[in-house]
Structure formats: structure tokens, C-alpha cells
Amino acid sequence: MDKRQLVATAARRTSLSRSQMREAVDAVFEAIADALACGDTVALSDFGRFSVQDYPGRELSRFGGQGHYKVDSRPIPVFKSSQALRRRLRGDA
């Protein structure tokens, strides 16, 4: 499912039009991105938690060639699903 399909599905389940739902989805995504950029964690009950972890820099070997290259450390986004979501995916709920 891509963003367009997500907007269409959510619009059908609510009284909002597609354009209103697109604005709402964009606003939610922007709020999550802003919170992560500030180093905050975003927890959505019965869905999961978005957070930021530091990816450690390291030196890697080149494939089939000589030498190495360095990968810098950087923050990366991480999602951890809730138990309720995991149960739903297993078909337990």
C-alpha cells in the first residue's frame, strides 16, 4: 500500500474527503518527522513506537576490490510494533 492508497482507504472509512484526508495524513507524518528530528519518541497506542537510534560509524571493505571506506555514524529512524499490532498480524486478535 502506498500513500495514495492509504489516503483513499482512510477517506472511505471516515466522513472526510480524499483531499482532507491527504492533509491529515501529511500533518501526522510531518508531526512524527518533526518529533524524531528533535530526538523525541512518538508512541501510538496499539500500533507502535517511532524513535531514533544512533547508527555507529565503521570501516568496511570494498566488494571485490582493494581498500576500505568509512561509513559515518548517523541517527536512523526505528519502529517497534506494539504487542496489540503483533497479535493482530498473527491473527490472535
N, C-alpha and C. Protein backbone atom coordinates (compact mmCIF):
# COMPACT_ATOMS: atom_id res chain seq x y z
N MET A 1 0.85 -1.16 0.00
CA MET A 1 0.00 0.00 0.00
C MET A 1 0.90 1.23 0.00
N ASP A 2 0.65 2.13 -0.92
CA ASP A 2 1.40 3.38 -0.94
C ASP A 2 0.56 4.49 -0.29
N LYS A 3 1.10 5.70 -0.25
CA LYS A 3 0.43 6.80 0.43
C LYS A 3 -0.92 7.11 -0.19
N ARG A 4 -1.01 7.08 -1.50
CA ARG A 4 -2.26 7.37 -2.19
C ARG A 4 -3.33 6.36 -1.79
N GLN A 5 -2.97 5.10 -1.74
CA GLN A 5 -3.92 4.05 -1.34
C GLN A 5 -4.31 4.20 0.12
N LEU A 6 -3.36 4.57 0.98
CA LEU A 6 -3.64 4.79 2.38
C LEU A 6 -4.66 5.91 2.55
N VAL A 7 -4.47 7.01 1.84
CA VAL A 7 -5.39 8.15 1.91
C VAL A 7 -6.78 7.74 1.43
N ALA A 8 -6.86 7.02 0.33
CA ALA A 8 -8.15 6.60 -0.21
C ALA A 8 -8.88 5.66 0.75
N THR A 9 -8.16 4.71 1.33
CA THR A 9 -8.77 3.77 2.27
C THR A 9 -9.25 4.48 3.52
N ALA A 10 -8.43 5.36 4.07
CA ALA A 10 -8.82 6.08 5.28
C ALA A 10 -9.99 7.02 5.00
N ALA A 11 -10.03 7.63 3.82
CA ALA A 11 -11.13 8.54 3.46
C ALA A 11 -12.45 7.77 3.38
N ARG A 12 -12.41 6.55 2.85
CA ARG A 12 -13.63 5.73 2.77
C ARG A 12 -14.15 5.37 4.15
N ARG A 13 -13.25 5.23 5.13
CA ARG A 13 -13.66 4.83 6.48
C ARG A 13 -14.11 6.00 7.33
N THR A 14 -13.97 7.23 6.84
CA THR A 14 -14.36 8.42 7.59
C THR A 14 -15.29 9.28 6.76
N SER A 15 -15.68 10.40 7.31
CA SER A 15 -16.53 11.34 6.58
C SER A 15 -15.70 12.41 5.87
N LEU A 16 -14.40 12.26 5.85
CA LEU A 16 -13.52 13.23 5.20
C LEU A 16 -13.36 12.92 3.73
N SER A 17 -13.15 13.98 2.94
CA SER A 17 -12.86 13.79 1.52
C SER A 17 -11.41 13.34 1.37
N ARG A 18 -11.05 12.92 0.17
CA ARG A 18 -9.66 12.49 -0.06
C ARG A 18 -8.67 13.63 0.18
N SER A 19 -9.03 14.84 -0.27
CA SER A 19 -8.10 15.96 -0.09
C SER A 19 -7.95 16.30 1.40
N GLN A 20 -9.05 16.23 2.16
CA GLN A 20 -8.96 16.48 3.60
C GLN A 20 -8.13 15.39 4.28
N MET A 21 -8.34 14.16 3.86
CA MET A 21 -7.58 13.05 4.45
C MET A 21 -6.11 13.15 4.09
N ARG A 22 -5.80 13.58 2.86
CA ARG A 22 -4.40 13.75 2.47
C ARG A 22 -3.74 14.80 3.35
N GLU A 23 -4.44 15.90 3.63
CA GLU A 23 -3.90 16.92 4.52
C GLU A 23 -3.68 16.37 5.91
N ALA A 24 -4.62 15.56 6.41
CA ALA A 24 -4.48 14.98 7.74
C ALA A 24 -3.30 14.01 7.80
N VAL A 25 -3.17 13.16 6.80
CA VAL A 25 -2.06 12.20 6.77
C VAL A 25 -0.73 12.95 6.67
N ASP A 26 -0.66 13.96 5.82
CA ASP A 26 0.56 14.75 5.70
C ASP A 26 0.91 15.42 7.03
N ALA A 27 -0.11 15.93 7.73
CA ALA A 27 0.12 16.60 9.01
C ALA A 27 0.65 15.60 10.05
N VAL A 28 0.10 14.38 10.07
CA VAL A 28 0.56 13.37 11.01
C VAL A 28 2.00 12.97 10.70
N PHE A 29 2.30 12.72 9.44
CA PHE A 29 3.67 12.36 9.06
C PHE A 29 4.66 13.46 9.39
N GLU A 30 4.26 14.71 9.15
CA GLU A 30 5.14 15.84 9.45
C GLU A 30 5.37 15.97 10.95
N ALA A 31 4.32 15.76 11.74
CA ALA A 31 4.46 15.83 13.20
C ALA A 31 5.39 14.74 13.71
N ILE A 32 5.27 13.53 13.16
CA ILE A 32 6.16 12.44 13.56
C ILE A 32 7.60 12.77 13.17
N ALA A 33 7.81 13.25 11.95
CA ALA A 33 9.15 13.59 11.49
C ALA A 33 9.77 14.71 12.33
N ASP A 34 8.97 15.73 12.66
CA ASP A 34 9.47 16.83 13.49
C ASP A 34 9.87 16.34 14.88
N ALA A 35 9.04 15.47 15.47
CA ALA A 35 9.35 14.95 16.80
C ALA A 35 10.64 14.12 16.77
N LEU A 36 10.79 13.28 15.75
CA LEU A 36 12.01 12.48 15.63
C LEU A 36 13.23 13.35 15.41
N ALA A 37 13.09 14.41 14.61
CA ALA A 37 14.21 15.31 14.36
C ALA A 37 14.67 16.01 15.64
N CYS A 38 13.74 16.20 16.57
CA CYS A 38 14.08 16.81 17.86
C CYS A 38 14.59 15.80 18.87
N GLY A 39 14.64 14.52 18.47
CA GLY A 39 15.13 13.49 19.37
C GLY A 39 14.06 12.86 20.24
N ASP A 40 12.79 13.22 20.01
CA ASP A 40 11.69 12.68 20.81
C ASP A 40 11.28 11.31 20.28
N THR A 41 10.51 10.60 21.09
CA THR A 41 9.92 9.33 20.71
C THR A 41 8.43 9.56 20.49
N VAL A 42 7.86 8.91 19.48
CA VAL A 42 6.43 9.01 19.21
C VAL A 42 5.82 7.63 19.46
N ALA A 43 4.93 7.56 20.45
CA ALA A 43 4.28 6.30 20.80
C ALA A 43 2.80 6.39 20.45
N LEU A 44 2.34 5.46 19.62
CA LEU A 44 0.93 5.39 19.23
C LEU A 44 0.37 4.12 19.85
N SER A 45 -0.56 4.28 20.78
CA SER A 45 -1.08 3.11 21.50
C SER A 45 -1.71 2.12 20.53
N ASP A 46 -1.50 0.86 20.80
CA ASP A 46 -1.98 -0.27 19.98
C ASP A 46 -1.41 -0.28 18.56
N PHE A 47 -0.38 0.51 18.30
CA PHE A 47 0.27 0.50 16.98
C PHE A 47 1.76 0.28 17.13
N GLY A 48 2.45 1.22 17.78
CA GLY A 48 3.88 1.05 17.95
C GLY A 48 4.57 2.34 18.35
N ARG A 49 5.91 2.29 18.34
CA ARG A 49 6.71 3.41 18.78
C ARG A 49 7.77 3.74 17.74
N PHE A 50 7.84 5.00 17.38
CA PHE A 50 8.89 5.51 16.49
C PHE A 50 9.94 6.19 17.36
N SER A 51 11.19 5.91 17.09
CA SER A 51 12.28 6.55 17.83
C SER A 51 13.49 6.69 16.92
N VAL A 52 14.53 7.29 17.46
CA VAL A 52 15.76 7.50 16.70
C VAL A 52 16.89 6.80 17.44
N GLN A 53 17.70 6.04 16.71
CA GLN A 53 18.89 5.40 17.27
C GLN A 53 20.11 5.89 16.52
N ASP A 54 21.24 5.87 17.20
CA ASP A 54 22.49 6.24 16.54
C ASP A 54 23.06 5.02 15.85
N TYR A 55 23.33 5.15 14.57
CA TYR A 55 23.99 4.10 13.80
C TYR A 55 25.48 4.35 13.93
N PRO A 56 26.23 3.41 14.50
CA PRO A 56 27.65 3.65 14.72
C PRO A 56 28.43 3.64 13.40
N GLY A 57 29.35 4.56 13.28
CA GLY A 57 30.21 4.57 12.10
C GLY A 57 31.19 3.41 12.15
N ARG A 58 31.62 2.99 10.99
CA ARG A 58 32.58 1.89 10.92
C ARG A 58 33.31 1.92 9.59
N GLU A 59 34.30 1.09 9.49
CA GLU A 59 35.07 1.00 8.26
C GLU A 59 34.77 -0.34 7.60
N LEU A 60 34.42 -0.31 6.32
CA LEU A 60 34.03 -1.52 5.59
C LEU A 60 34.98 -1.79 4.44
N SER A 61 35.10 -3.05 4.08
CA SER A 61 35.92 -3.44 2.94
C SER A 61 35.12 -3.28 1.66
N ARG A 62 35.80 -2.92 0.60
CA ARG A 62 35.15 -2.82 -0.71
C ARG A 62 34.91 -4.21 -1.28
N PHE A 63 33.79 -4.38 -1.98
CA PHE A 63 33.50 -5.66 -2.62
C PHE A 63 34.43 -5.88 -3.80
N GLY A 64 35.12 -6.99 -3.83
CA GLY A 64 35.95 -7.37 -4.95
C GLY A 64 37.10 -6.43 -5.26
N GLY A 65 37.34 -5.49 -4.41
CA GLY A 65 38.43 -4.56 -4.68
C GLY A 65 39.30 -4.38 -3.46
N GLN A 66 40.26 -3.54 -3.64
CA GLN A 66 41.16 -3.29 -2.52
C GLN A 66 40.72 -2.05 -1.79
N GLY A 67 41.10 -2.00 -0.56
CA GLY A 67 40.85 -0.81 0.23
C GLY A 67 39.60 -0.89 1.07
N HIS A 68 39.39 0.17 1.78
CA HIS A 68 38.27 0.28 2.69
C HIS A 68 37.58 1.63 2.48
N TYR A 69 36.39 1.73 3.00
CA TYR A 69 35.72 3.03 3.03
C TYR A 69 35.02 3.18 4.37
N LYS A 70 34.84 4.41 4.76
CA LYS A 70 34.28 4.70 6.08
C LYS A 70 32.82 5.09 5.94
N VAL A 71 31.99 4.52 6.80
CA VAL A 71 30.59 4.90 6.90
C VAL A 71 30.46 5.71 8.18
N ASP A 72 30.03 6.95 8.06
CA ASP A 72 29.92 7.84 9.22
C ASP A 72 28.77 7.42 10.13
N SER A 73 28.90 7.74 11.39
CA SER A 73 27.79 7.50 12.31
C SER A 73 26.69 8.52 12.02
N ARG A 74 25.44 8.09 12.24
CA ARG A 74 24.32 8.98 11.95
C ARG A 74 23.08 8.47 12.67
N PRO A 75 22.12 9.35 12.89
CA PRO A 75 20.87 8.89 13.51
C PRO A 75 19.99 8.22 12.45
N ILE A 76 19.31 7.15 12.84
CA ILE A 76 18.39 6.46 11.94
C ILE A 76 17.04 6.27 12.64
N PRO A 77 15.94 6.34 11.88
CA PRO A 77 14.63 6.11 12.49
C PRO A 77 14.39 4.62 12.72
N VAL A 78 13.69 4.31 13.80
CA VAL A 78 13.41 2.93 14.17
C VAL A 78 11.93 2.84 14.55
N PHE A 79 11.28 1.74 14.13
CA PHE A 79 9.89 1.49 14.52
C PHE A 79 9.83 0.17 15.27
N LYS A 80 9.16 0.17 16.41
CA LYS A 80 8.93 -1.06 17.19
C LYS A 80 7.43 -1.22 17.34
N SER A 81 6.91 -2.31 16.82
CA SER A 81 5.47 -2.53 16.85
C SER A 81 5.00 -2.87 18.26
N SER A 82 3.73 -2.54 18.54
CA SER A 82 3.15 -2.87 19.84
C SER A 82 2.73 -4.33 19.86
N GLN A 83 2.50 -4.83 21.07
CA GLN A 83 2.04 -6.22 21.18
C GLN A 83 0.68 -6.39 20.54
N ALA A 84 -0.19 -5.38 20.65
CA ALA A 84 -1.52 -5.47 20.05
C ALA A 84 -1.41 -5.62 18.53
N LEU A 85 -0.51 -4.88 17.90
CA LEU A 85 -0.32 -4.98 16.45
C LEU A 85 0.26 -6.34 16.08
N ARG A 86 1.22 -6.81 16.85
CA ARG A 86 1.80 -8.13 16.56
C ARG A 86 0.77 -9.24 16.70
N ARG A 87 -0.09 -9.15 17.71
CA ARG A 87 -1.17 -10.14 17.86
C ARG A 87 -2.11 -10.10 16.68
N ARG A 88 -2.44 -8.91 16.21
CA ARG A 88 -3.36 -8.77 15.06
C ARG A 88 -2.75 -9.38 13.80
N LEU A 89 -1.46 -9.17 13.59
CA LEU A 89 -0.80 -9.73 12.42
C LEU A 89 -0.72 -11.24 12.48
N ARG A 90 -0.61 -11.79 13.69
CA ARG A 90 -0.62 -13.24 13.84
C ARG A 90 -2.01 -13.83 13.72
N GLY A 91 -3.04 -12.98 13.83
CA GLY A 91 -4.41 -13.45 13.76
C GLY A 91 -4.98 -13.83 15.11
N ASP A 92 -4.31 -13.45 16.18
CA ASP A 92 -4.75 -13.78 17.53
C ASP A 92 -5.88 -12.87 18.02
N ALA A 93 -6.00 -11.68 17.44
CA ALA A 93 -6.98 -10.71 17.98
C ALA A 93 -8.15 -10.55 17.06
